[in-house]
Amino acid sequence: MKPTERRVGYGTAIGYGVTDLFGGGAFAVIGTWLLFFYTTYCGLSVLEAGSIFAIARVIDAILSPIMGYITDNFANTWLGKKFGRRRFFLLISAPLMFLYALVWVTDMSYWYYLGTYLSIELLSAMVLVPWETLSSEMTNRFSERTRLSGVRMICSQLGGLLAVSIPGVLMQFTGKDNPMTYTYTGMIFATIFCIAVFTTWMCTWEAKDVREEYEPEVPGARSGNLWHHLKSLVVDLLSSFKIRMFRQHIIIYIFSFTALDVFGAVFTYYVVYGLHLDASAVSGYLTVAALASVPSTFGFMMLLSKLNMTPSGALRLAYGIIFCVLAFLFYVYITEMAVSVLLFSAVFAVFGFARAGLYYIPWNIYSFIPDVDEIVTKKRREGIFAGVMVLTRKSTVALAIMLIGIVLQESGFVKGQGVQPDSALDAIIGLLVFATAALLAVSFYMTFRFKLTRETHKMLIQEVARLKLGGNLQDCTPECQKVIKDLTGYEYQEVWGGNATGKAVRKDVALG
């Protein structure tokens, strides 16, 4: 039975999505607690702890696209043929999740903490890059991919909630100043992640016809040396941007997510220095947003699958709500209006709804990109696209946080001072409201040029299936030709072995 003939119900979707407890939870715990743990209980200076995160970012930016390339070509190995080019990495990674507990051990050396943290970055690439490709491999149905993406984002939100709640509960028993709180936290999450990844391995499948009948094996491909593989990796990374839909998607994805990175990084300063409220209010309002995001993800899933709203339309709805929230925050600041906790909470519940859509829809869109790429390249390159997305995402978030620090420093912000100069307050408001809005405006504009819908995707899939069966290029309808040009950026005569195929894909060099 071919993979596309198997149905994806909610049971399968949950089995697939639980791995995002790791994707959403592991680094939420790290982001919330690890710097404090390093500097308080492990004897590391702030500089030493910061260097661990900086080194990890650089290495991870390299690991992710490499992992994508490996999984795209792993089917040519004995292990890949026996266990699958994607799911093999889930199988071996499940027991390795207990490495996460080793991160939270006290009284070790700097090199121990660097090594254990880098092992988690490597483990993250081994799990998340191949796992993110599975939604494209398991089904080509729009509604089922929407279901898979929706459930995974709900699991991601739950992972973030667990990251905040589990350490807090443990502190009630171990005490707030007990380092064992964090050790127990690491052990609990390692167990959760192990079970989640193994569950995904059991509940998912992948396309077995990796090398299709129209994709001839290149002589000598299996014996390619390291230089050939590195060259092919770079060519694949660059060629992914020749697909119009992927270029548009990356712009929407990066600008949207970076906007929320800026908002999240500056919001604490806005509340404490702009509104003169206690820092605990920040946690309260963001918790309301996080709680609202869980059911809201399901709501956006229904908008796409049941009400047939286009991804672009759903994104514009999310952006419009966030624009309104930003206007509200700006109005509160300039008028110094007293706002009740209830009203502020309601605003952030609405913000949580919009944020859920902003996070969910780009990752839902991602699962359709390999289909568009296939009609151009005649290949399935899910791994490369997943690797590029992780690479660009982690690069831009690091750049955004660095630029925020530079802007605040240049504006005269004084760390630890209860009252900040007007120039610093202006910078805080400028970043929170106007920088966030400007980034979202770029994505908002791009949604009007983005042509993926349920109907256009169905037309694309049917055309690929027709061509696989030996259909003639000349028999394609004008409407379908226009759809393919809108999605790929190439004229129809250039795809499926035409000029575009040579431009957008390397000569195959498989792993041997």
Protein backbone atom coordinates (compact mmCIF):
# COMPACT_ATOMS: atom_id res chain seq x y z
CA MET A 1 0.00 0.00 0.00
CA LYS A 2 1.44 3.37 -0.93
CA PRO A 3 1.80 5.96 1.88
CA THR A 4 -0.68 8.33 0.27
CA GLU A 5 -3.39 5.65 0.54
CA ARG A 6 -3.16 5.53 4.34
CA ARG A 7 -5.42 7.90 6.21
CA VAL A 8 -4.19 10.28 8.90
CA GLY A 9 -6.71 10.45 11.73
CA TYR A 10 -6.35 12.33 14.99
CA GLY A 11 -4.74 9.30 16.67
CA THR A 12 -1.96 9.25 14.10
CA ALA A 13 -1.69 13.04 14.24
CA ILE A 14 -1.19 12.91 18.01
CA GLY A 15 1.41 10.17 17.61
CA TYR A 16 3.24 12.38 15.11
CA GLY A 17 2.79 15.63 17.02
CA VAL A 18 4.00 14.54 20.49
CA THR A 19 7.61 14.94 19.38
CA ASP A 20 7.01 18.69 19.49
CA LEU A 21 6.88 18.29 23.27
CA PHE A 22 10.63 18.04 22.72
CA GLY A 23 10.74 20.75 20.05
CA GLY A 24 8.65 23.18 22.09
CA GLY A 25 9.63 22.07 25.59
CA ALA A 26 13.35 21.28 25.64
CA PHE A 27 14.56 24.71 24.65
CA ALA A 28 11.77 26.48 26.52
CA VAL A 29 13.19 24.94 29.71
CA ILE A 30 16.71 25.88 28.61
CA GLY A 31 15.70 29.42 27.71
CA THR A 32 13.90 29.95 31.01
CA TRP A 33 16.22 28.24 33.50
CA LEU A 34 19.61 27.15 32.13
CA LEU A 35 21.49 30.47 32.28
CA PHE A 36 20.35 30.92 35.89
CA PHE A 37 21.32 27.30 36.67
CA TYR A 38 24.78 27.69 35.14
CA THR A 39 25.63 30.92 36.96
CA THR A 40 24.01 30.05 40.31
CA TYR A 41 24.80 26.37 40.89
CA CYS A 42 27.51 25.39 38.40
CA GLY A 43 30.16 28.01 39.14
CA LEU A 44 30.17 29.49 35.64
CA SER A 45 30.53 33.19 35.01
CA VAL A 46 27.99 34.97 32.83
CA LEU A 47 30.65 35.20 30.10
CA GLU A 48 31.37 31.46 30.26
CA ALA A 49 27.68 30.57 30.21
CA GLY A 50 27.04 32.98 27.34
CA SER A 51 29.90 31.48 25.35
CA ILE A 52 28.25 28.04 25.56
CA PHE A 53 25.07 29.41 23.96
CA ALA A 54 27.02 31.34 21.32
CA ILE A 55 29.13 28.33 20.30
CA ALA A 56 26.02 26.17 20.16
CA ARG A 57 24.27 28.62 17.82
CA VAL A 58 27.14 28.57 15.36
CA ILE A 59 27.40 24.77 15.36
CA ASP A 60 23.65 24.30 15.11
CA ALA A 61 23.49 26.60 12.08
CA ILE A 62 25.81 24.12 10.36
CA LEU A 63 24.24 20.92 11.72
CA SER A 64 20.66 21.55 10.57
CA PRO A 65 21.22 21.80 6.79
CA ILE A 66 23.74 18.94 6.94
CA MET A 67 21.13 16.79 8.69
CA GLY A 68 18.59 17.70 6.02
CA TYR A 69 20.97 16.65 3.28
CA ILE A 70 21.79 13.38 5.04
CA THR A 71 18.15 12.37 5.48
CA ASP A 72 17.34 13.19 1.86
CA ASN A 73 20.06 10.78 0.75
CA PHE A 74 20.09 8.22 3.58
CA ALA A 75 17.85 5.79 1.68
CA ASN A 76 20.85 4.80 -0.42
CA THR A 77 22.53 3.24 2.64
CA TRP A 78 21.82 -0.21 4.10
CA LEU A 79 20.40 1.29 7.29
CA GLY A 80 18.20 3.66 5.32
CA LYS A 81 16.76 0.86 3.22
CA LYS A 82 16.03 -1.24 6.30
CA PHE A 83 14.76 1.38 8.76
CA GLY A 84 13.80 4.38 6.57
CA ARG A 85 15.70 7.53 5.68
CA ARG A 86 13.79 9.67 8.23
CA ARG A 87 12.45 7.40 10.98
CA PHE A 88 15.79 5.67 11.57
CA PHE A 89 17.01 8.84 13.30
CA LEU A 90 13.94 8.91 15.54
CA LEU A 91 14.57 5.32 16.58
CA ILE A 92 18.18 5.88 17.63
CA SER A 93 17.42 9.28 19.20
CA ALA A 94 14.68 8.10 21.59
CA PRO A 95 17.06 6.52 24.16
CA LEU A 96 19.55 9.34 23.65
CA MET A 97 16.98 11.74 25.10
CA PHE A 98 18.36 10.89 28.54
CA LEU A 99 21.38 13.02 27.61
CA TYR A 100 19.06 15.92 28.45
CA ALA A 101 19.24 14.97 32.14
CA LEU A 102 23.05 15.27 32.07
CA VAL A 103 22.78 18.98 31.26
CA TRP A 104 21.31 19.63 34.72
CA VAL A 105 24.12 18.21 36.86
CA THR A 106 25.95 20.56 39.26
CA ASP A 107 29.64 21.04 40.14
CA MET A 108 31.16 19.99 36.81
CA SER A 109 33.70 21.72 34.57
CA TYR A 110 33.10 24.26 31.82
CA TRP A 111 33.98 21.64 29.21
CA TYR A 112 31.42 19.25 30.64
CA TYR A 113 28.65 21.84 30.32
CA LEU A 114 29.78 22.81 26.82
CA GLY A 115 29.86 19.17 25.74
CA THR A 116 26.48 18.25 27.20
CA TYR A 117 24.79 21.31 25.73
CA LEU A 118 26.29 20.67 22.29
CA SER A 119 25.07 17.07 22.52
CA ILE A 120 21.53 18.42 22.95
CA GLU A 121 21.94 20.65 19.90
CA LEU A 122 23.10 17.64 17.88
CA LEU A 123 20.23 15.55 19.23
CA SER A 124 17.80 18.32 18.33
CA ALA A 125 18.99 18.32 14.70
CA MET A 126 18.86 14.50 14.56
CA VAL A 127 15.23 14.52 15.71
CA LEU A 128 13.58 17.68 14.47
CA VAL A 129 14.92 17.91 10.92
CA PRO A 130 13.86 14.39 9.79
CA TRP A 131 10.69 14.54 11.92
CA GLU A 132 9.52 17.77 10.29
CA THR A 133 9.67 16.09 6.88
CA LEU A 134 7.29 13.27 7.85
CA SER A 135 4.08 15.28 7.39
CA SER A 136 4.96 15.64 3.70
CA GLU A 137 5.84 11.95 3.39
CA MET A 138 2.83 10.52 5.23
CA THR A 139 0.12 12.14 3.13
CA ASN A 140 -0.41 14.51 0.23
CA ARG A 141 -3.92 15.51 1.33
CA PHE A 142 -4.33 19.17 2.29
CA SER A 143 -6.70 18.47 5.20
CA GLU A 144 -4.53 15.72 6.67
CA ARG A 145 -1.36 17.80 6.54
CA THR A 146 -3.30 20.62 8.18
CA ARG A 147 -4.29 18.19 10.93
CA LEU A 148 -0.71 17.03 11.44
CA SER A 149 0.60 20.59 11.64
CA GLY A 150 -2.17 21.67 13.98
CA VAL A 151 -1.68 18.84 16.45
CA ARG A 152 2.09 19.32 16.49
CA MET A 153 1.70 23.01 17.32
CA ILE A 154 -0.71 22.18 20.14
CA CYS A 155 1.92 19.78 21.51
CA SER A 156 4.54 22.51 21.13
CA GLN A 157 2.40 24.90 23.17
CA LEU A 158 1.89 22.21 25.81
CA GLY A 159 5.64 21.68 25.93
CA GLY A 160 6.11 25.36 26.65
CA LEU A 161 3.55 25.23 29.46
CA LEU A 162 5.26 22.20 31.00
CA ALA A 163 8.57 24.07 30.84
CA VAL A 164 7.14 26.73 33.12
CA SER A 165 4.95 24.60 35.39
CA ILE A 166 7.02 21.49 36.20
CA PRO A 167 9.97 23.34 37.82
CA GLY A 168 7.50 25.48 39.77
CA VAL A 169 5.71 22.42 41.14
CA LEU A 170 8.99 20.75 42.08
CA MET A 171 10.09 23.86 43.96
CA GLN A 172 7.15 23.36 46.31
CA PHE A 173 8.77 20.09 47.44
CA THR A 174 12.51 20.67 47.04
CA GLY A 175 12.69 24.39 47.89
CA LYS A 176 13.43 27.37 45.66
CA ASP A 177 17.18 27.30 46.29
CA ASN A 178 17.78 23.58 45.84
CA PRO A 179 19.78 22.69 42.69
CA MET A 180 18.20 19.23 42.71
CA THR A 181 15.02 20.92 41.48
CA TYR A 182 16.69 21.37 38.10
CA THR A 183 18.23 17.90 38.12
CA TYR A 184 14.82 16.35 38.72
CA THR A 185 13.38 18.62 36.03
CA GLY A 186 15.94 17.32 33.54
CA MET A 187 15.18 13.71 34.42
CA ILE A 188 11.41 14.21 34.09
CA PHE A 189 11.69 15.96 30.73
CA ALA A 190 14.21 13.41 29.43
CA THR A 191 11.70 10.65 30.18
CA ILE A 192 8.86 12.59 28.52
CA PHE A 193 10.98 13.26 25.42
CA CYS A 194 12.10 9.63 25.15
CA ILE A 195 8.51 8.37 25.25
CA ALA A 196 7.34 11.08 22.82
CA VAL A 197 9.99 10.40 20.16
CA PHE A 198 9.55 6.62 20.41
CA THR A 199 5.77 7.08 20.09
CA THR A 200 6.29 9.09 16.91
CA TRP A 201 8.54 6.38 15.52
CA MET A 202 5.81 3.80 16.15
CA CYS A 203 2.90 5.85 14.78
CA THR A 204 4.38 7.32 11.60
CA TRP A 205 5.51 6.10 8.21
CA GLU A 206 7.38 7.50 5.26
CA ALA A 207 7.37 7.17 1.50
CA LYS A 208 9.15 4.00 0.49
CA ASP A 209 9.45 4.89 -3.18
CA VAL A 210 12.29 7.32 -2.48
CA ARG A 211 13.89 6.74 -5.87
CA GLU A 212 11.02 6.97 -8.32
CA GLU A 213 10.93 5.30 -11.70
CA TYR A 214 11.50 8.65 -13.39
CA GLU A 215 14.61 9.33 -11.27
CA PRO A 216 17.46 7.25 -12.69
CA GLU A 217 20.42 6.44 -10.52
CA VAL A 218 23.54 8.36 -11.44
CA PRO A 219 26.52 6.10 -12.16
CA GLY A 220 29.12 6.40 -9.42
CA ALA A 221 26.73 8.25 -7.12
CA ARG A 222 27.13 5.80 -4.28
CA SER A 223 30.90 6.29 -4.23
CA GLY A 224 30.87 10.07 -3.99
CA ASN A 225 33.65 11.43 -1.76
CA LEU A 226 33.37 14.00 1.03
CA TRP A 227 34.09 16.93 -1.30
CA HIS A 228 31.26 15.87 -3.64
CA HIS A 229 28.84 15.61 -0.74
CA LEU A 230 29.80 19.04 0.61
CA LYS A 231 29.47 20.57 -2.85
CA SER A 232 26.09 18.92 -3.33
CA LEU A 233 24.93 20.17 0.07
CA VAL A 234 25.77 23.78 -0.81
CA VAL A 235 24.14 23.47 -4.24
CA ASP A 236 20.98 22.00 -2.68
CA LEU A 237 20.78 24.78 -0.09
CA LEU A 238 21.08 27.49 -2.73
CA SER A 239 18.78 25.77 -5.21
CA SER A 240 15.94 25.64 -2.67
CA PHE A 241 15.58 29.41 -3.03
CA LYS A 242 14.90 29.08 -6.75
CA ILE A 243 11.39 27.85 -5.93
CA ARG A 244 9.15 30.93 -5.80
CA MET A 245 6.79 29.58 -3.15
CA PHE A 246 9.71 28.78 -0.84
CA ARG A 247 11.19 32.27 -1.23
CA GLN A 248 7.83 33.80 -0.35
CA HIS A 249 7.35 31.36 2.51
CA ILE A 250 10.78 32.11 4.02
CA ILE A 251 10.00 35.84 3.99
CA ILE A 252 6.64 35.27 5.71
CA TYR A 253 8.16 32.82 8.19
CA ILE A 254 11.28 34.77 9.15
CA PHE A 255 9.68 38.21 9.39
CA SER A 256 6.70 36.88 11.37
CA PHE A 257 8.74 34.90 13.86
CA THR A 258 11.40 37.60 14.24
CA ALA A 259 8.64 40.12 14.96
CA LEU A 260 7.47 38.02 17.89
CA ASP A 261 11.08 37.53 19.02
CA VAL A 262 11.48 41.31 19.19
CA PHE A 263 8.14 41.67 20.97
CA GLY A 264 9.00 39.00 23.53
CA ALA A 265 12.48 40.35 24.22
CA VAL A 266 11.28 43.94 24.80
CA PHE A 267 7.90 43.34 26.46
CA THR A 268 9.39 42.95 29.95
CA TYR A 269 11.11 46.33 29.62
CA TYR A 270 7.84 47.89 28.45
CA VAL A 271 5.91 46.60 31.45
CA VAL A 272 8.57 47.39 34.07
CA TYR A 273 9.90 50.72 32.80
CA GLY A 274 7.07 51.95 30.59
CA LEU A 275 4.06 51.00 32.71
CA HIS A 276 5.91 50.84 36.07
CA LEU A 277 4.43 47.48 36.97
CA ASP A 278 6.00 44.55 38.79
CA ALA A 279 7.90 42.02 36.71
CA SER A 280 5.49 39.31 37.85
CA ALA A 281 2.86 40.96 35.65
CA VAL A 282 4.94 40.00 32.62
CA SER A 283 4.76 36.34 33.53
CA GLY A 284 1.04 36.59 34.20
CA TYR A 285 0.13 38.19 30.89
CA LEU A 286 2.37 35.92 28.83
CA THR A 287 0.91 32.89 30.63
CA VAL A 288 -2.57 34.04 29.60
CA ALA A 289 -1.35 34.29 26.01
CA ALA A 290 0.22 30.82 26.19
CA LEU A 291 -2.95 29.27 27.61
CA ALA A 292 -5.03 30.90 24.89
CA SER A 293 -2.65 29.63 22.20
CA VAL A 294 -3.40 25.95 22.81
CA PRO A 295 -7.11 25.93 21.84
CA SER A 296 -6.48 28.72 19.33
CA THR A 297 -4.16 26.47 17.34
CA PHE A 298 -7.04 24.05 16.96
CA GLY A 299 -9.24 26.99 15.95
CA PHE A 300 -6.90 27.95 13.11
CA MET A 301 -6.71 24.32 12.07
CA MET A 302 -10.49 24.32 11.72
CA LEU A 303 -10.40 27.59 9.74
CA LEU A 304 -8.12 25.97 7.16
CA SER A 305 -9.61 22.47 7.04
CA LYS A 306 -13.34 22.99 7.67
CA LEU A 307 -14.07 26.57 6.65
CA ASN A 308 -11.62 26.41 3.72
CA MET A 309 -9.93 29.72 4.59
CA THR A 310 -6.72 30.18 2.63
CA PRO A 311 -3.39 30.24 4.52
CA SER A 312 -2.87 33.83 3.36
CA GLY A 313 -6.28 34.88 4.65
CA ALA A 314 -5.71 33.22 8.02
CA LEU A 315 -2.32 34.91 8.34
CA ARG A 316 -3.81 38.31 7.58
CA LEU A 317 -6.39 37.70 10.31
CA ALA A 318 -3.59 36.97 12.79
CA TYR A 319 -1.53 39.98 11.68
CA GLY A 320 -4.54 42.29 11.91
CA ILE A 321 -5.19 41.27 15.51
CA ILE A 322 -1.55 41.78 16.49
CA PHE A 323 -1.54 45.22 14.85
CA CYS A 324 -4.51 46.12 17.06
CA VAL A 325 -2.75 44.83 20.18
CA LEU A 326 0.33 46.90 19.34
CA ALA A 327 -1.85 50.00 18.87
CA PHE A 328 -3.46 49.32 22.26
CA LEU A 329 -0.08 49.02 24.01
CA PHE A 330 1.13 52.24 22.37
CA TYR A 331 -2.05 54.09 23.38
CA VAL A 332 -1.74 52.90 26.97
CA TYR A 333 1.83 54.14 27.13
CA ILE A 334 1.39 57.60 25.62
CA THR A 335 -1.84 58.37 27.56
CA GLU A 336 -0.62 56.73 30.81
CA MET A 337 -4.10 55.22 31.02
CA ALA A 338 -4.82 52.97 33.99
CA VAL A 339 -5.80 49.54 32.66
CA SER A 340 -7.41 46.87 34.79
CA VAL A 341 -5.79 43.47 35.08
CA LEU A 342 -8.92 41.94 33.60
CA LEU A 343 -8.75 44.10 30.46
CA PHE A 344 -5.04 43.50 30.00
CA SER A 345 -5.59 39.76 30.41
CA ALA A 346 -8.38 39.84 27.83
CA VAL A 347 -6.12 41.67 25.38
CA PHE A 348 -3.40 39.06 25.83
CA ALA A 349 -5.87 36.22 25.43
CA VAL A 350 -6.72 37.73 22.03
CA PHE A 351 -3.00 38.17 21.37
CA GLY A 352 -2.51 34.48 22.20
CA PHE A 353 -5.13 33.57 19.61
CA ALA A 354 -3.35 35.55 16.91
CA ARG A 355 0.08 34.30 17.95
CA ALA A 356 -1.14 30.71 17.59
CA GLY A 357 -2.07 31.36 13.98
CA LEU A 358 1.20 33.13 13.28
CA TYR A 359 3.17 30.13 14.60
CA TYR A 360 0.98 27.41 13.16
CA ILE A 361 0.32 28.51 9.59
CA PRO A 362 3.94 28.88 8.34
CA TRP A 363 4.76 25.39 9.60
CA ASN A 364 1.60 24.09 7.98
CA ILE A 365 2.63 25.72 4.71
CA TYR A 366 6.08 24.15 4.92
CA SER A 367 4.68 20.64 4.43
CA PHE A 368 3.45 21.56 0.94
CA ILE A 369 6.71 23.04 -0.34
CA PRO A 370 8.30 19.68 -1.33
CA ASP A 371 5.30 19.05 -3.59
CA VAL A 372 5.98 22.28 -5.47
CA ASP A 373 9.68 21.46 -5.62
CA GLU A 374 8.95 17.98 -6.99
CA ILE A 375 7.30 19.18 -10.18
CA VAL A 376 10.42 21.26 -10.88
CA THR A 377 13.19 18.91 -9.77
CA LYS A 378 11.46 15.49 -10.00
CA LYS A 379 12.86 14.82 -6.52
CA ARG A 380 11.60 14.69 -2.92
CA ARG A 381 13.83 17.06 -0.93
CA GLU A 382 11.91 17.53 2.33
CA GLY A 383 15.10 17.39 4.38
CA ILE A 384 16.82 20.27 2.61
CA PHE A 385 13.82 22.56 3.11
CA ALA A 386 13.56 21.62 6.79
CA GLY A 387 17.27 22.28 7.23
CA VAL A 388 17.08 25.69 5.54
CA MET A 389 14.12 26.71 7.69
CA VAL A 390 15.90 25.77 10.92
CA LEU A 391 19.10 27.46 9.74
CA THR A 392 17.44 30.76 8.80
CA ARG A 393 15.25 30.77 11.91
CA LYS A 394 18.06 30.29 14.40
CA SER A 395 20.28 32.78 12.59
CA THR A 396 17.69 35.54 12.58
CA VAL A 397 16.66 35.12 16.22
CA ALA A 398 20.30 35.45 17.30
CA LEU A 399 20.71 38.55 15.11
CA ALA A 400 17.49 40.11 16.41
CA ILE A 401 18.44 39.72 20.08
CA MET A 402 21.90 41.14 19.41
CA LEU A 403 20.46 44.20 17.60
CA ILE A 404 17.99 44.81 20.44
CA GLY A 405 20.87 44.87 22.90
CA ILE A 406 22.80 47.34 20.73
CA VAL A 407 19.79 49.64 20.32
CA LEU A 408 19.05 49.69 24.06
CA GLN A 409 22.68 50.31 24.92
CA GLU A 410 23.01 53.17 22.43
CA SER A 411 19.76 54.72 23.70
CA GLY A 412 21.23 55.19 27.17
CA PHE A 413 19.54 52.25 28.91
CA VAL A 414 21.15 51.58 32.29
CA LYS A 415 20.98 48.01 33.54
CA GLY A 416 19.58 47.62 37.05
CA GLN A 417 18.35 51.22 37.26
CA GLY A 418 14.72 51.61 38.31
CA VAL A 419 14.09 54.73 36.20
CA GLN A 420 15.33 54.98 32.63
CA PRO A 421 16.01 58.14 30.58
CA ASP A 422 13.43 59.23 28.01
CA SER A 423 15.71 58.14 25.17
CA ALA A 424 15.74 54.58 26.51
CA LEU A 425 11.96 54.58 26.91
CA ASP A 426 11.56 55.83 23.35
CA ALA A 427 13.80 52.99 22.15
CA ILE A 428 11.76 50.43 24.09
CA ILE A 429 8.49 51.67 22.61
CA GLY A 430 10.02 51.94 19.15
CA LEU A 431 11.18 48.34 19.27
CA LEU A 432 8.04 46.91 20.86
CA VAL A 433 5.50 48.69 18.68
CA PHE A 434 7.07 50.02 15.50
CA ALA A 435 9.83 47.45 14.85
CA THR A 436 7.41 44.60 15.51
CA ALA A 437 4.76 46.20 13.28
CA ALA A 438 7.26 46.88 10.49
CA LEU A 439 8.41 43.26 10.42
CA LEU A 440 4.82 42.01 10.39
CA ALA A 441 3.96 44.48 7.61
CA VAL A 442 6.49 42.80 5.31
CA SER A 443 4.86 39.42 5.93
CA PHE A 444 1.39 40.95 5.56
CA TYR A 445 2.31 42.30 2.11
CA MET A 446 3.79 38.95 1.04
CA THR A 447 0.53 37.10 1.81
CA PHE A 448 -1.09 38.87 -1.15
CA ARG A 449 1.48 37.30 -3.50
CA PHE A 450 1.33 33.84 -1.95
CA LYS A 451 -0.87 31.59 -4.11
CA LEU A 452 -1.08 28.30 -2.22
CA THR A 453 -4.65 27.22 -1.47
CA ARG A 454 -6.39 23.90 -1.05
CA GLU A 455 -7.50 24.10 -4.70
CA THR A 456 -4.11 25.03 -6.18
CA HIS A 457 -2.39 22.32 -4.17
CA LYS A 458 -4.89 19.70 -5.33
CA MET A 459 -4.35 20.76 -8.93
CA LEU A 460 -0.57 20.50 -8.47
CA ILE A 461 -0.76 17.01 -6.92
CA GLN A 462 -3.01 15.76 -9.71
CA GLU A 463 -0.64 17.11 -12.35
CA VAL A 464 2.39 15.44 -10.72
CA ALA A 465 0.48 12.15 -10.58
CA ARG A 466 -0.51 12.50 -14.26
CA LEU A 467 3.11 13.15 -15.28
CA LYS A 468 4.36 10.19 -13.22
CA LEU A 469 2.01 7.97 -15.21
CA GLY A 470 3.56 9.16 -18.46
CA GLY A 471 1.20 12.01 -19.26
CA ASN A 472 2.12 14.44 -22.03
CA LEU A 473 3.18 17.98 -21.03
CA GLN A 474 1.10 19.40 -23.89
CA ASP A 475 -2.10 18.04 -22.32
CA CYS A 476 -1.91 20.31 -19.25
CA THR A 477 -4.75 22.85 -19.09
CA PRO A 478 -3.98 26.60 -19.23
CA GLU A 479 -5.41 27.01 -15.73
CA CYS A 480 -3.07 24.37 -14.33
CA GLN A 481 -0.11 25.88 -16.17
CA LYS A 482 -0.81 29.24 -14.54
CA VAL A 483 -1.07 27.65 -11.09
CA ILE A 484 2.28 25.90 -11.54
CA LYS A 485 3.95 29.11 -12.68
CA ASP A 486 2.49 31.03 -9.70
CA LEU A 487 3.83 28.40 -7.28
CA THR A 488 7.19 27.56 -8.84
CA GLY A 489 8.14 30.77 -10.62
CA TYR A 490 8.82 28.82 -13.82
CA GLU A 491 6.88 28.53 -17.04
CA TYR A 492 5.16 25.17 -17.35
CA GLN A 493 7.34 24.16 -20.31
CA GLU A 494 10.43 24.50 -18.08
CA VAL A 495 9.37 22.08 -15.34
CA TRP A 496 9.41 18.25 -15.13
CA GLY A 497 12.68 17.68 -16.91
CA GLY A 498 12.75 21.02 -18.71
CA ASN A 499 15.20 23.91 -18.27
CA ALA A 500 14.03 24.58 -14.71
CA THR A 501 15.03 21.09 -13.55
CA GLY A 502 18.65 21.71 -14.44
CA LYS A 503 18.60 25.12 -12.76
CA ALA A 504 16.96 24.03 -9.52
CA VAL A 505 18.66 20.73 -8.71
CA ARG A 506 22.15 19.31 -8.59
CA LYS A 507 23.26 16.08 -10.19
CA ASP A 508 22.50 13.43 -7.60
CA VAL A 509 25.35 12.33 -5.32
CA ALA A 510 23.98 9.78 -2.89
CA LEU A 511 25.47 8.74 0.42
CA GLY A 512 27.50 5.63 0.07
